[in-house]
Amino acid sequence: MTQTITSCLDLDEVFDLIPKNLVKTLDIDAATIRLIDSSREKLILKAAYGLSDDYLNRGAIDTEEPVFKALQGEPIFIENAVEDSRIVYHEETKKEGINSILVVPISIRGRVEGVLRLLTKKPYKFDQHDIDFVSALAKQCGIAIENARFVHDQKIWLNYFVIIHQISKLINSTSDLNEILEIIVTRLPETMELKAATIRFFEKKGKLEL
């Protein structure tokens, strides 16, 4: 499994492979990956396997004690999720048929960046050996995510340089100011995945005009 996920450098594919391979490798029912967003204030669902959309969209789980503990670096095992007071969404958990849950931290460069949740529909006793094994796999997941992120970021920067070079060539090929401005506001949103761009100049009386 480690060889499979660490050999892939496509970020979306890495997120798709990890929960799917964990479910098959450990013979469990479902798995999810959530990572901390850029503000470090909430968890974002990045990947899931074996769960319904209704369960995945039940609401934020950031305040659940097992998730909070896992984000502090401590694996947490919940034997009976439906009756455990640490779980927020009991009805949704019961409807989904979830029984046991294991939550382990995902670390990237020595810093906890998210959580890996393993879920079973039958009662499952994760012993210390299981927890250590899954924690080791979570570390490999972190390495795979980091590698894929690096390649993803490099591709973005390379694309920026290519587009900037193209824009520069187009600008240097004309002396028409309106054409140059049109090139800039047309190509930049495409490159940076933005909705729009505008250029305004200070004109008479210091007013900005489009």
N, C-alpha and C. Protein backbone atom coordinates (compact mmCIF):
# COMPACT_ATOMS: atom_id res chain seq x y z
N MET A 1 0.81 -1.20 0.00
CA MET A 1 0.00 0.00 0.00
C MET A 1 0.86 1.26 0.00
N THR A 2 1.90 1.25 0.83
CA THR A 2 2.81 2.39 0.89
C THR A 2 3.44 2.67 -0.47
N GLN A 3 3.84 1.62 -1.14
CA GLN A 3 4.44 1.76 -2.46
C GLN A 3 3.45 2.39 -3.44
N THR A 4 2.19 1.99 -3.32
CA THR A 4 1.16 2.50 -4.22
C THR A 4 0.94 3.98 -4.05
N ILE A 5 0.75 4.42 -2.79
CA ILE A 5 0.39 5.82 -2.56
C ILE A 5 1.58 6.76 -2.68
N THR A 6 2.79 6.29 -2.33
CA THR A 6 3.95 7.18 -2.40
C THR A 6 4.53 7.28 -3.80
N SER A 7 4.15 6.35 -4.69
CA SER A 7 4.65 6.40 -6.06
C SER A 7 3.80 7.30 -6.94
N CYS A 8 2.64 7.72 -6.42
CA CYS A 8 1.75 8.60 -7.18
C CYS A 8 2.04 10.05 -6.83
N LEU A 9 2.15 10.90 -7.85
CA LEU A 9 2.50 12.30 -7.62
C LEU A 9 1.37 13.26 -8.02
N ASP A 10 0.23 12.70 -8.40
CA ASP A 10 -0.93 13.53 -8.71
C ASP A 10 -1.74 13.69 -7.42
N LEU A 11 -1.92 14.94 -6.98
CA LEU A 11 -2.53 15.20 -5.67
C LEU A 11 -3.94 14.63 -5.57
N ASP A 12 -4.78 14.85 -6.57
CA ASP A 12 -6.15 14.33 -6.53
C ASP A 12 -6.16 12.81 -6.48
N GLU A 13 -5.25 12.20 -7.24
CA GLU A 13 -5.18 10.74 -7.26
C GLU A 13 -4.70 10.19 -5.93
N VAL A 14 -3.77 10.90 -5.28
CA VAL A 14 -3.30 10.48 -3.95
C VAL A 14 -4.45 10.46 -2.96
N PHE A 15 -5.26 11.53 -2.97
CA PHE A 15 -6.41 11.58 -2.07
C PHE A 15 -7.42 10.48 -2.38
N ASP A 16 -7.54 10.12 -3.63
CA ASP A 16 -8.46 9.05 -4.02
C ASP A 16 -7.92 7.68 -3.61
N LEU A 17 -6.62 7.48 -3.73
CA LEU A 17 -6.01 6.18 -3.46
C LEU A 17 -5.97 5.83 -1.97
N ILE A 18 -5.67 6.80 -1.12
CA ILE A 18 -5.43 6.51 0.29
C ILE A 18 -6.62 5.85 0.98
N PRO A 19 -7.81 6.48 1.01
CA PRO A 19 -8.92 5.82 1.72
C PRO A 19 -9.34 4.50 1.08
N LYS A 20 -9.31 4.46 -0.25
CA LYS A 20 -9.70 3.24 -0.95
C LYS A 20 -8.77 2.08 -0.60
N ASN A 21 -7.47 2.33 -0.59
CA ASN A 21 -6.50 1.29 -0.27
C ASN A 21 -6.55 0.89 1.20
N LEU A 22 -6.81 1.87 2.08
CA LEU A 22 -6.91 1.56 3.50
C LEU A 22 -8.08 0.61 3.78
N VAL A 23 -9.21 0.90 3.15
CA VAL A 23 -10.40 0.06 3.34
C VAL A 23 -10.12 -1.37 2.90
N LYS A 24 -9.49 -1.52 1.75
CA LYS A 24 -9.20 -2.86 1.23
C LYS A 24 -8.12 -3.56 2.03
N THR A 25 -7.08 -2.82 2.42
CA THR A 25 -5.96 -3.41 3.15
C THR A 25 -6.36 -3.88 4.55
N LEU A 26 -7.15 -3.06 5.24
CA LEU A 26 -7.50 -3.36 6.63
C LEU A 26 -8.83 -4.10 6.75
N ASP A 27 -9.51 -4.32 5.62
CA ASP A 27 -10.79 -5.01 5.62
C ASP A 27 -11.79 -4.32 6.55
N ILE A 28 -11.93 -3.01 6.35
CA ILE A 28 -12.91 -2.22 7.11
C ILE A 28 -13.95 -1.69 6.13
N ASP A 29 -14.85 -0.82 6.60
CA ASP A 29 -15.95 -0.37 5.75
C ASP A 29 -15.74 0.99 5.11
N ALA A 30 -15.04 1.88 5.79
CA ALA A 30 -14.93 3.23 5.24
C ALA A 30 -13.72 3.96 5.82
N ALA A 31 -13.32 5.02 5.14
CA ALA A 31 -12.20 5.85 5.60
C ALA A 31 -12.35 7.26 5.03
N THR A 32 -11.91 8.23 5.80
CA THR A 32 -11.94 9.62 5.34
C THR A 32 -10.62 10.31 5.68
N ILE A 33 -10.32 11.35 4.91
CA ILE A 33 -9.15 12.19 5.18
C ILE A 33 -9.64 13.63 5.26
N ARG A 34 -9.30 14.29 6.34
CA ARG A 34 -9.60 15.72 6.49
C ARG A 34 -8.30 16.44 6.82
N LEU A 35 -8.09 17.58 6.15
CA LEU A 35 -6.89 18.37 6.39
C LEU A 35 -7.27 19.76 6.88
N ILE A 36 -6.40 20.34 7.68
CA ILE A 36 -6.62 21.70 8.19
C ILE A 36 -6.50 22.69 7.04
N ASP A 37 -7.41 23.66 6.99
CA ASP A 37 -7.36 24.65 5.92
C ASP A 37 -6.25 25.66 6.18
N SER A 38 -6.06 26.58 5.23
CA SER A 38 -4.95 27.53 5.31
C SER A 38 -5.04 28.45 6.53
N SER A 39 -6.25 28.68 7.02
CA SER A 39 -6.41 29.53 8.21
C SER A 39 -6.14 28.76 9.50
N ARG A 40 -6.03 27.42 9.36
CA ARG A 40 -5.82 26.52 10.49
C ARG A 40 -6.95 26.63 11.52
N GLU A 41 -8.15 26.92 11.04
CA GLU A 41 -9.29 27.05 11.93
C GLU A 41 -10.33 25.96 11.73
N LYS A 42 -10.29 25.26 10.59
CA LYS A 42 -11.28 24.21 10.38
C LYS A 42 -10.72 23.11 9.48
N LEU A 43 -11.39 21.95 9.55
CA LEU A 43 -10.98 20.80 8.76
C LEU A 43 -11.79 20.74 7.46
N ILE A 44 -11.10 20.40 6.39
CA ILE A 44 -11.74 20.27 5.09
C ILE A 44 -11.68 18.80 4.65
N LEU A 45 -12.83 18.25 4.27
CA LEU A 45 -12.87 16.87 3.78
C LEU A 45 -12.15 16.80 2.42
N LYS A 46 -11.11 15.98 2.35
CA LYS A 46 -10.33 15.85 1.13
C LYS A 46 -10.61 14.55 0.39
N ALA A 47 -10.96 13.52 1.12
CA ALA A 47 -11.21 12.23 0.48
C ALA A 47 -12.06 11.35 1.38
N ALA A 48 -12.86 10.49 0.76
CA ALA A 48 -13.69 9.56 1.52
C ALA A 48 -13.97 8.34 0.66
N TYR A 49 -14.18 7.22 1.33
CA TYR A 49 -14.51 5.99 0.62
C TYR A 49 -15.42 5.14 1.50
N GLY A 50 -16.54 4.69 0.93
CA GLY A 50 -17.43 3.79 1.66
C GLY A 50 -18.52 4.46 2.45
N LEU A 51 -18.72 5.79 2.27
CA LEU A 51 -19.72 6.51 3.05
C LEU A 51 -20.69 7.25 2.14
N SER A 52 -21.92 7.44 2.61
CA SER A 52 -22.94 8.15 1.83
C SER A 52 -22.70 9.66 1.87
N ASP A 53 -23.25 10.36 0.89
CA ASP A 53 -23.14 11.82 0.86
C ASP A 53 -23.86 12.44 2.05
N ASP A 54 -24.98 11.85 2.46
CA ASP A 54 -25.71 12.39 3.61
C ASP A 54 -24.85 12.38 4.87
N TYR A 55 -24.13 11.30 5.08
CA TYR A 55 -23.28 11.21 6.26
C TYR A 55 -22.10 12.18 6.16
N LEU A 56 -21.51 12.26 4.98
CA LEU A 56 -20.35 13.15 4.80
C LEU A 56 -20.74 14.62 4.95
N ASN A 57 -21.99 14.94 4.63
CA ASN A 57 -22.45 16.34 4.70
C ASN A 57 -23.20 16.64 5.99
N ARG A 58 -23.03 15.81 7.03
CA ARG A 58 -23.79 15.97 8.27
C ARG A 58 -23.41 17.24 9.02
N GLY A 59 -22.24 17.78 8.77
CA GLY A 59 -21.80 18.99 9.46
C GLY A 59 -20.35 18.89 9.90
N ALA A 60 -19.85 19.97 10.47
CA ALA A 60 -18.44 20.01 10.90
C ALA A 60 -18.20 19.06 12.07
N ILE A 61 -17.02 18.43 12.07
CA ILE A 61 -16.68 17.53 13.18
C ILE A 61 -15.47 18.07 13.96
N ASP A 62 -15.11 19.31 13.69
CA ASP A 62 -13.92 19.89 14.31
C ASP A 62 -13.98 19.89 15.84
N THR A 63 -15.19 20.00 16.38
CA THR A 63 -15.32 20.12 17.84
C THR A 63 -15.42 18.77 18.54
N GLU A 64 -15.51 17.68 17.79
CA GLU A 64 -15.57 16.37 18.43
C GLU A 64 -14.27 16.09 19.16
N GLU A 65 -14.39 15.60 20.38
CA GLU A 65 -13.20 15.36 21.20
C GLU A 65 -12.18 14.44 20.55
N PRO A 66 -12.61 13.32 19.90
CA PRO A 66 -11.62 12.44 19.26
C PRO A 66 -10.82 13.15 18.16
N VAL A 67 -11.51 14.01 17.41
CA VAL A 67 -10.82 14.76 16.35
C VAL A 67 -9.88 15.77 16.97
N PHE A 68 -10.35 16.47 18.02
CA PHE A 68 -9.52 17.45 18.71
C PHE A 68 -8.26 16.80 19.27
N LYS A 69 -8.41 15.62 19.88
CA LYS A 69 -7.26 14.92 20.45
C LYS A 69 -6.30 14.46 19.35
N ALA A 70 -6.88 13.98 18.24
CA ALA A 70 -6.04 13.53 17.13
C ALA A 70 -5.24 14.69 16.55
N LEU A 71 -5.85 15.86 16.50
CA LEU A 71 -5.14 17.04 15.99
C LEU A 71 -4.01 17.47 16.93
N GLN A 72 -4.07 16.99 18.16
CA GLN A 72 -2.98 17.23 19.11
C GLN A 72 -1.94 16.12 19.05
N GLY A 73 -2.17 15.14 18.14
CA GLY A 73 -1.19 14.08 17.93
C GLY A 73 -1.49 12.77 18.61
N GLU A 74 -2.72 12.63 19.17
CA GLU A 74 -3.08 11.42 19.92
C GLU A 74 -4.13 10.59 19.18
N PRO A 75 -3.82 9.35 18.79
CA PRO A 75 -4.83 8.48 18.16
C PRO A 75 -5.96 8.18 19.15
N ILE A 76 -7.20 8.15 18.67
CA ILE A 76 -8.35 7.90 19.53
C ILE A 76 -9.22 6.80 18.94
N PHE A 77 -9.57 5.81 19.78
CA PHE A 77 -10.43 4.71 19.35
C PHE A 77 -11.79 4.83 20.02
N ILE A 78 -12.85 4.72 19.23
CA ILE A 78 -14.22 4.77 19.73
C ILE A 78 -14.88 3.43 19.40
N GLU A 79 -15.21 2.67 20.43
CA GLU A 79 -15.73 1.31 20.20
C GLU A 79 -17.19 1.31 19.80
N ASN A 80 -18.00 2.18 20.42
CA ASN A 80 -19.43 2.25 20.10
C ASN A 80 -19.80 3.70 19.82
N ALA A 81 -19.71 4.09 18.55
CA ALA A 81 -19.86 5.49 18.18
C ALA A 81 -21.27 6.03 18.43
N VAL A 82 -22.28 5.17 18.30
CA VAL A 82 -23.66 5.62 18.45
C VAL A 82 -23.96 6.07 19.88
N GLU A 83 -23.34 5.43 20.85
CA GLU A 83 -23.62 5.75 22.26
C GLU A 83 -22.52 6.58 22.92
N ASP A 84 -21.42 6.82 22.20
CA ASP A 84 -20.30 7.55 22.79
C ASP A 84 -20.61 9.05 22.83
N SER A 85 -20.48 9.64 24.00
CA SER A 85 -20.80 11.06 24.19
C SER A 85 -19.85 11.98 23.44
N ARG A 86 -18.70 11.46 23.02
CA ARG A 86 -17.72 12.28 22.31
C ARG A 86 -18.09 12.52 20.84
N ILE A 87 -19.07 11.75 20.34
CA ILE A 87 -19.52 11.91 18.97
C ILE A 87 -20.69 12.88 18.92
N VAL A 88 -20.65 13.83 18.01
CA VAL A 88 -21.67 14.88 17.94
C VAL A 88 -22.94 14.41 17.23
N TYR A 89 -22.78 13.75 16.09
CA TYR A 89 -23.93 13.41 15.25
C TYR A 89 -24.35 11.94 15.46
N HIS A 90 -25.05 11.68 16.56
CA HIS A 90 -25.43 10.30 16.87
C HIS A 90 -26.45 9.73 15.89
N GLU A 91 -27.46 10.51 15.53
CA GLU A 91 -28.51 10.02 14.64
C GLU A 91 -27.95 9.70 13.26
N GLU A 92 -27.11 10.59 12.74
CA GLU A 92 -26.51 10.37 11.43
C GLU A 92 -25.58 9.16 11.45
N THR A 93 -24.87 9.00 12.57
CA THR A 93 -23.96 7.85 12.72
C THR A 93 -24.75 6.54 12.77
N LYS A 94 -25.88 6.57 13.49
CA LYS A 94 -26.73 5.38 13.59
C LYS A 94 -27.34 5.03 12.23
N LYS A 95 -27.82 6.05 11.53
CA LYS A 95 -28.43 5.84 10.22
C LYS A 95 -27.43 5.25 9.23
N GLU A 96 -26.18 5.69 9.34
CA GLU A 96 -25.13 5.20 8.43
C GLU A 96 -24.70 3.79 8.81
N GLY A 97 -25.03 3.38 10.03
CA GLY A 97 -24.67 2.04 10.48
C GLY A 97 -23.25 1.94 10.99
N ILE A 98 -22.68 3.08 11.38
CA ILE A 98 -21.30 3.10 11.87
C ILE A 98 -21.26 2.62 13.32
N ASN A 99 -20.32 1.76 13.61
CA ASN A 99 -20.19 1.25 14.97
C ASN A 99 -18.88 1.71 15.62
N SER A 100 -17.75 1.30 15.05
CA SER A 100 -16.45 1.64 15.64
C SER A 100 -15.69 2.63 14.75
N ILE A 101 -14.93 3.51 15.40
CA ILE A 101 -14.18 4.54 14.68
C ILE A 101 -12.77 4.66 15.28
N LEU A 102 -11.80 4.76 14.42
CA LEU A 102 -10.43 5.06 14.85
C LEU A 102 -10.00 6.36 14.18
N VAL A 103 -9.54 7.31 14.98
CA VAL A 103 -9.09 8.61 14.46
C VAL A 103 -7.60 8.76 14.75
N VAL A 104 -6.79 8.95 13.71
CA VAL A 104 -5.34 9.12 13.91
C VAL A 104 -4.88 10.39 13.21
N PRO A 105 -3.86 11.04 13.75
CA PRO A 105 -3.36 12.27 13.13
C PRO A 105 -2.57 12.00 11.86
N ILE A 106 -2.63 12.94 10.94
CA ILE A 106 -1.79 12.91 9.75
C ILE A 106 -0.77 14.04 9.90
N SER A 107 0.49 13.69 9.95
CA SER A 107 1.55 14.68 10.11
C SER A 107 2.29 14.89 8.81
N ILE A 108 2.62 16.14 8.54
CA ILE A 108 3.42 16.51 7.38
C ILE A 108 4.56 17.38 7.87
N ARG A 109 5.78 16.91 7.65
CA ARG A 109 6.98 17.60 8.14
C ARG A 109 6.94 17.81 9.65
N GLY A 110 6.47 16.80 10.38
CA GLY A 110 6.47 16.86 11.83
C GLY A 110 5.37 17.68 12.45
N ARG A 111 4.44 18.15 11.62
CA ARG A 111 3.34 18.98 12.13
C ARG A 111 2.01 18.33 11.75
N VAL A 112 1.10 18.21 12.74
CA VAL A 112 -0.20 17.60 12.45
C VAL A 112 -0.98 18.50 11.51
N GLU A 113 -1.37 17.95 10.36
CA GLU A 113 -2.06 18.74 9.34
C GLU A 113 -3.46 18.23 9.05
N GLY A 114 -3.87 17.15 9.74
CA GLY A 114 -5.20 16.62 9.49
C GLY A 114 -5.42 15.33 10.24
N VAL A 115 -6.55 14.67 9.93
CA VAL A 115 -6.88 13.42 10.59
C VAL A 115 -7.34 12.38 9.58
N LEU A 116 -7.02 11.15 9.89
CA LEU A 116 -7.48 10.00 9.14
C LEU A 116 -8.48 9.26 10.02
N ARG A 117 -9.69 9.03 9.50
CA ARG A 117 -10.72 8.31 10.27
C ARG A 117 -11.03 6.99 9.59
N LEU A 118 -10.98 5.92 10.35
CA LEU A 118 -11.36 4.59 9.86
C LEU A 118 -12.67 4.20 10.54
N LEU A 119 -13.62 3.70 9.76
CA LEU A 119 -14.94 3.41 10.30
C LEU A 119 -15.38 1.99 9.94
N THR A 120 -16.01 1.31 10.91
CA THR A 120 -16.51 -0.04 10.67
C THR A 120 -17.99 -0.12 11.05
N LYS A 121 -18.72 -0.97 10.36
CA LYS A 121 -20.14 -1.14 10.65
C LYS A 121 -20.38 -2.26 11.67
N LYS A 122 -19.45 -3.16 11.77
CA LYS A 122 -19.51 -4.19 12.80
C LYS A 122 -18.62 -3.76 13.96
N PRO A 123 -18.94 -4.17 15.17
CA PRO A 123 -18.06 -3.84 16.32
C PRO A 123 -16.64 -4.32 16.03
N TYR A 124 -15.70 -3.43 16.22
CA TYR A 124 -14.31 -3.75 15.89
C TYR A 124 -13.42 -3.23 17.00
N LYS A 125 -12.62 -4.09 17.54
CA LYS A 125 -11.73 -3.70 18.63
C LYS A 125 -10.34 -3.40 18.06
N PHE A 126 -10.04 -2.10 17.90
CA PHE A 126 -8.70 -1.72 17.46
C PHE A 126 -7.77 -1.81 18.67
N ASP A 127 -6.89 -2.82 18.67
CA ASP A 127 -5.95 -2.93 19.79
C ASP A 127 -4.73 -2.04 19.50
N GLN A 128 -3.78 -2.02 20.43
CA GLN A 128 -2.63 -1.13 20.29
C GLN A 128 -1.81 -1.45 19.04
N HIS A 129 -1.74 -2.73 18.70
CA HIS A 129 -1.02 -3.11 17.48
C HIS A 129 -1.67 -2.49 16.25
N ASP A 130 -3.02 -2.56 16.19
CA ASP A 130 -3.76 -1.96 15.08
C ASP A 130 -3.52 -0.44 15.02
N ILE A 131 -3.59 0.18 16.20
CA ILE A 131 -3.43 1.65 16.26
C ILE A 131 -2.04 2.06 15.81
N ASP A 132 -1.01 1.33 16.26
CA ASP A 132 0.36 1.62 15.84
C ASP A 132 0.53 1.43 14.34
N PHE A 133 -0.10 0.37 13.82
CA PHE A 133 -0.01 0.06 12.39
C PHE A 133 -0.66 1.16 11.56
N VAL A 134 -1.87 1.57 11.96
CA VAL A 134 -2.59 2.62 11.22
C VAL A 134 -1.87 3.97 11.36
N SER A 135 -1.30 4.23 12.53
CA SER A 135 -0.56 5.48 12.73
C SER A 135 0.65 5.53 11.81
N ALA A 136 1.31 4.39 11.62
CA ALA A 136 2.45 4.31 10.71
C ALA A 136 2.00 4.56 9.27
N LEU A 137 0.84 4.00 8.91
CA LEU A 137 0.30 4.24 7.57
C LEU A 137 -0.07 5.71 7.38
N ALA A 138 -0.59 6.34 8.44
CA ALA A 138 -0.96 7.76 8.36
C ALA A 138 0.27 8.62 8.09
N LYS A 139 1.41 8.23 8.68
CA LYS A 139 2.65 8.96 8.41
C LYS A 139 3.04 8.84 6.95
N GLN A 140 2.86 7.63 6.38
CA GLN A 140 3.16 7.43 4.96
C GLN A 140 2.20 8.25 4.10
N CYS A 141 0.96 8.36 4.55
CA CYS A 141 -0.02 9.18 3.84
C CYS A 141 0.42 10.64 3.82
N GLY A 142 0.94 11.09 4.95
CA GLY A 142 1.44 12.47 5.03
C GLY A 142 2.58 12.71 4.06
N ILE A 143 3.48 11.73 3.94
CA ILE A 143 4.60 11.84 3.00
C ILE A 143 4.08 11.89 1.57
N ALA A 144 3.11 11.04 1.26
CA ALA A 144 2.54 11.00 -0.09
C ALA A 144 1.85 12.32 -0.43
N ILE A 145 1.11 12.87 0.53
CA ILE A 145 0.43 14.15 0.31
C ILE A 145 1.44 15.27 0.11
N GLU A 146 2.49 15.28 0.94
CA GLU A 146 3.52 16.31 0.81
C GLU A 146 4.21 16.25 -0.56
N ASN A 147 4.57 15.04 -1.00
CA ASN A 147 5.22 14.90 -2.31
C ASN A 147 4.32 15.36 -3.43
N ALA A 148 3.04 14.94 -3.37
CA ALA A 148 2.09 15.31 -4.42
C ALA A 148 1.83 16.82 -4.42
N ARG A 149 1.76 17.41 -3.22
CA ARG A 149 1.58 18.86 -3.12
C ARG A 149 2.75 19.61 -3.76
N PHE A 150 3.95 19.12 -3.50
CA PHE A 150 5.15 19.76 -4.04
C PHE A 150 5.10 19.77 -5.57
N VAL A 151 4.78 18.61 -6.15
CA VAL A 151 4.71 18.50 -7.61
C VAL A 151 3.59 19.39 -8.15
N HIS A 152 2.44 19.39 -7.44
CA HIS A 152 1.30 20.22 -7.85
C HIS A 152 1.69 21.71 -7.87
N ASP A 153 2.35 22.15 -6.79
CA ASP A 153 2.76 23.56 -6.70
C ASP A 153 3.78 23.91 -7.79
N GLN A 154 4.70 22.98 -8.07
CA GLN A 154 5.69 23.22 -9.12
C GLN A 154 5.03 23.37 -10.48
N LYS A 155 4.00 22.56 -10.74
CA LYS A 155 3.28 22.65 -12.01
C LYS A 155 2.57 24.00 -12.14
N ILE A 156 2.00 24.46 -11.02
CA ILE A 156 1.31 25.76 -11.03
C ILE A 156 2.30 26.88 -11.35
N TRP A 157 3.44 26.86 -10.65
CA TRP A 157 4.44 27.91 -10.89
C TRP A 157 4.98 27.85 -12.31
N LEU A 158 5.22 26.66 -12.82
CA LEU A 158 5.69 26.52 -14.20
C LEU A 158 4.68 27.09 -15.16
N ASN A 159 3.39 26.82 -14.91
CA ASN A 159 2.34 27.34 -15.77
C ASN A 159 2.30 28.87 -15.70
N TYR A 160 2.51 29.43 -14.50
CA TYR A 160 2.57 30.88 -14.35
C TYR A 160 3.66 31.48 -15.24
N PHE A 161 4.86 30.88 -15.14
CA PHE A 161 5.99 31.40 -15.91
C PHE A 161 5.74 31.33 -17.41
N VAL A 162 5.13 30.22 -17.84
CA VAL A 162 4.82 30.05 -19.27
C VAL A 162 3.85 31.13 -19.74
N ILE A 163 2.78 31.33 -18.97
CA ILE A 163 1.76 32.32 -19.35
C ILE A 163 2.32 33.74 -19.29
N ILE A 164 3.11 34.03 -18.25
CA ILE A 164 3.71 35.37 -18.15
C ILE A 164 4.62 35.63 -19.34
N HIS A 165 5.38 34.61 -19.75
CA HIS A 165 6.24 34.74 -20.92
C HIS A 165 5.41 34.99 -22.17
N GLN A 166 4.30 34.28 -22.30
CA GLN A 166 3.43 34.48 -23.45
C GLN A 166 2.83 35.89 -23.46
N ILE A 167 2.39 36.34 -22.28
CA ILE A 167 1.83 37.70 -22.18
C ILE A 167 2.89 38.74 -22.54
N SER A 168 4.12 38.53 -22.05
CA SER A 168 5.21 39.47 -22.35
C SER A 168 5.47 39.54 -23.85
N LYS A 169 5.45 38.39 -24.52
CA LYS A 169 5.67 38.36 -25.97
C LYS A 169 4.56 39.11 -26.69
N LEU A 170 3.32 38.90 -26.25
CA LEU A 170 2.20 39.58 -26.88
C LEU A 170 2.28 41.09 -26.68
N ILE A 171 2.65 41.50 -25.45
CA ILE A 171 2.76 42.92 -25.15
C ILE A 171 3.85 43.57 -25.99
N ASN A 172 4.97 42.86 -26.13
CA ASN A 172 6.09 43.41 -26.91
C ASN A 172 5.83 43.44 -28.41
N SER A 173 4.77 42.73 -28.83
CA SER A 173 4.48 42.67 -30.26
C SER A 173 3.54 43.80 -30.73
N THR A 174 3.09 44.63 -29.79
CA THR A 174 2.18 45.71 -30.16
C THR A 174 2.49 46.97 -29.36
N SER A 175 2.15 48.10 -29.95
CA SER A 175 2.32 49.38 -29.25
C SER A 175 0.97 49.99 -28.93
N ASP A 176 -0.08 49.23 -29.21
CA ASP A 176 -1.44 49.69 -28.94
C ASP A 176 -1.76 49.46 -27.46
N LEU A 177 -1.89 50.56 -26.68
CA LEU A 177 -2.10 50.45 -25.25
C LEU A 177 -3.37 49.67 -24.90
N ASN A 178 -4.45 49.95 -25.62
CA ASN A 178 -5.71 49.25 -25.33
C ASN A 178 -5.58 47.75 -25.56
N GLU A 179 -4.83 47.38 -26.58
CA GLU A 179 -4.63 45.96 -26.88
C GLU A 179 -3.80 45.30 -25.79
N ILE A 180 -2.78 46.01 -25.30
CA ILE A 180 -1.93 45.49 -24.23
C ILE A 180 -2.73 45.26 -22.95
N LEU A 181 -3.57 46.25 -22.59
CA LEU A 181 -4.39 46.14 -21.39
C LEU A 181 -5.40 45.00 -21.52
N GLU A 182 -5.94 44.85 -22.73
CA GLU A 182 -6.90 43.77 -22.97
C GLU A 182 -6.25 42.41 -22.81
N ILE A 183 -5.03 42.28 -23.28
CA ILE A 183 -4.28 41.02 -23.15
C ILE A 183 -4.07 40.68 -21.68
N ILE A 184 -3.69 41.69 -20.89
CA ILE A 184 -3.40 41.46 -19.47
C ILE A 184 -4.65 40.99 -18.71
N VAL A 185 -5.76 41.72 -18.87
CA VAL A 185 -6.96 41.38 -18.09
C VAL A 185 -7.64 40.11 -18.60
N THR A 186 -7.32 39.71 -19.83
CA THR A 186 -7.91 38.48 -20.38
C THR A 186 -7.12 37.25 -19.94
N ARG A 187 -5.79 37.35 -20.01
CA ARG A 187 -4.96 36.17 -19.75
C ARG A 187 -4.69 35.91 -18.27
N LEU A 188 -4.58 36.96 -17.47
CA LEU A 188 -4.27 36.77 -16.05
C LEU A 188 -5.33 35.95 -15.29
N PRO A 189 -6.63 36.24 -15.46
CA PRO A 189 -7.63 35.42 -14.77
C PRO A 189 -7.56 33.95 -15.17
N GLU A 190 -7.28 33.68 -16.44
CA GLU A 190 -7.14 32.29 -16.90
C GLU A 190 -5.99 31.60 -16.17
N THR A 191 -4.88 32.33 -16.06
CA THR A 191 -3.68 31.76 -15.45
C THR A 191 -3.84 31.52 -13.96
N MET A 192 -4.43 32.50 -13.27
CA MET A 192 -4.52 32.44 -11.81
C MET A 192 -5.85 31.87 -11.31
N GLU A 193 -6.67 31.37 -12.26
CA GLU A 193 -7.97 30.78 -11.91
C GLU A 193 -8.83 31.77 -11.13
N LEU A 194 -8.91 32.99 -11.65
CA LEU A 194 -9.73 34.03 -11.05
C LEU A 194 -10.97 34.27 -11.90
N LYS A 195 -11.94 34.95 -11.31
CA LYS A 195 -13.17 35.23 -12.03
C LYS A 195 -12.98 36.37 -13.02
N ALA A 196 -12.20 37.38 -12.62
CA ALA A 196 -12.07 38.57 -13.48
C ALA A 196 -10.85 39.39 -13.08
N ALA A 197 -10.56 40.40 -13.90
CA ALA A 197 -9.47 41.34 -13.59
C ALA A 197 -9.82 42.69 -14.19
N THR A 198 -9.39 43.73 -13.52
CA THR A 198 -9.61 45.08 -14.05
C THR A 198 -8.32 45.89 -13.92
N ILE A 199 -8.20 46.92 -14.76
CA ILE A 199 -7.08 47.86 -14.66
C ILE A 199 -7.68 49.26 -14.64
N ARG A 200 -7.25 50.05 -13.69
CA ARG A 200 -7.70 51.43 -13.60
C ARG A 200 -6.48 52.35 -13.50
N PHE A 201 -6.54 53.49 -14.18
CA PHE A 201 -5.46 54.47 -14.14
C PHE A 201 -5.94 55.75 -13.44
N PHE A 202 -4.99 56.40 -12.75
CA PHE A 202 -5.29 57.71 -12.20
C PHE A 202 -5.35 58.71 -13.35
N GLU A 203 -6.47 59.37 -13.49
CA GLU A 203 -6.64 60.39 -14.54
C GLU A 203 -6.65 61.77 -13.89
N LYS A 204 -7.26 62.70 -14.55
CA LYS A 204 -7.31 64.08 -14.04
C LYS A 204 -7.99 64.13 -12.68
N LYS A 205 -7.54 65.02 -11.85
CA LYS A 205 -8.06 65.23 -10.50
C LYS A 205 -7.87 64.01 -9.61
N GLY A 206 -6.96 63.12 -9.99
CA GLY A 206 -6.61 61.99 -9.16
C GLY A 206 -7.68 60.91 -9.07
N LYS A 207 -8.63 60.94 -10.00
CA LYS A 207 -9.70 59.92 -9.99
C LYS A 207 -9.26 58.68 -10.76
N LEU A 208 -9.67 57.52 -10.23
CA LEU A 208 -9.36 56.27 -10.93
C LEU A 208 -10.43 56.01 -12.00
N GLU A 209 -9.96 55.78 -13.21
CA GLU A 209 -10.89 55.48 -14.30
C GLU A 209 -10.57 54.13 -14.91
N LEU A 210 -11.62 53.37 -15.25
CA LEU A 210 -11.47 52.04 -15.83
C LEU A 210 -10.81 52.14 -17.21
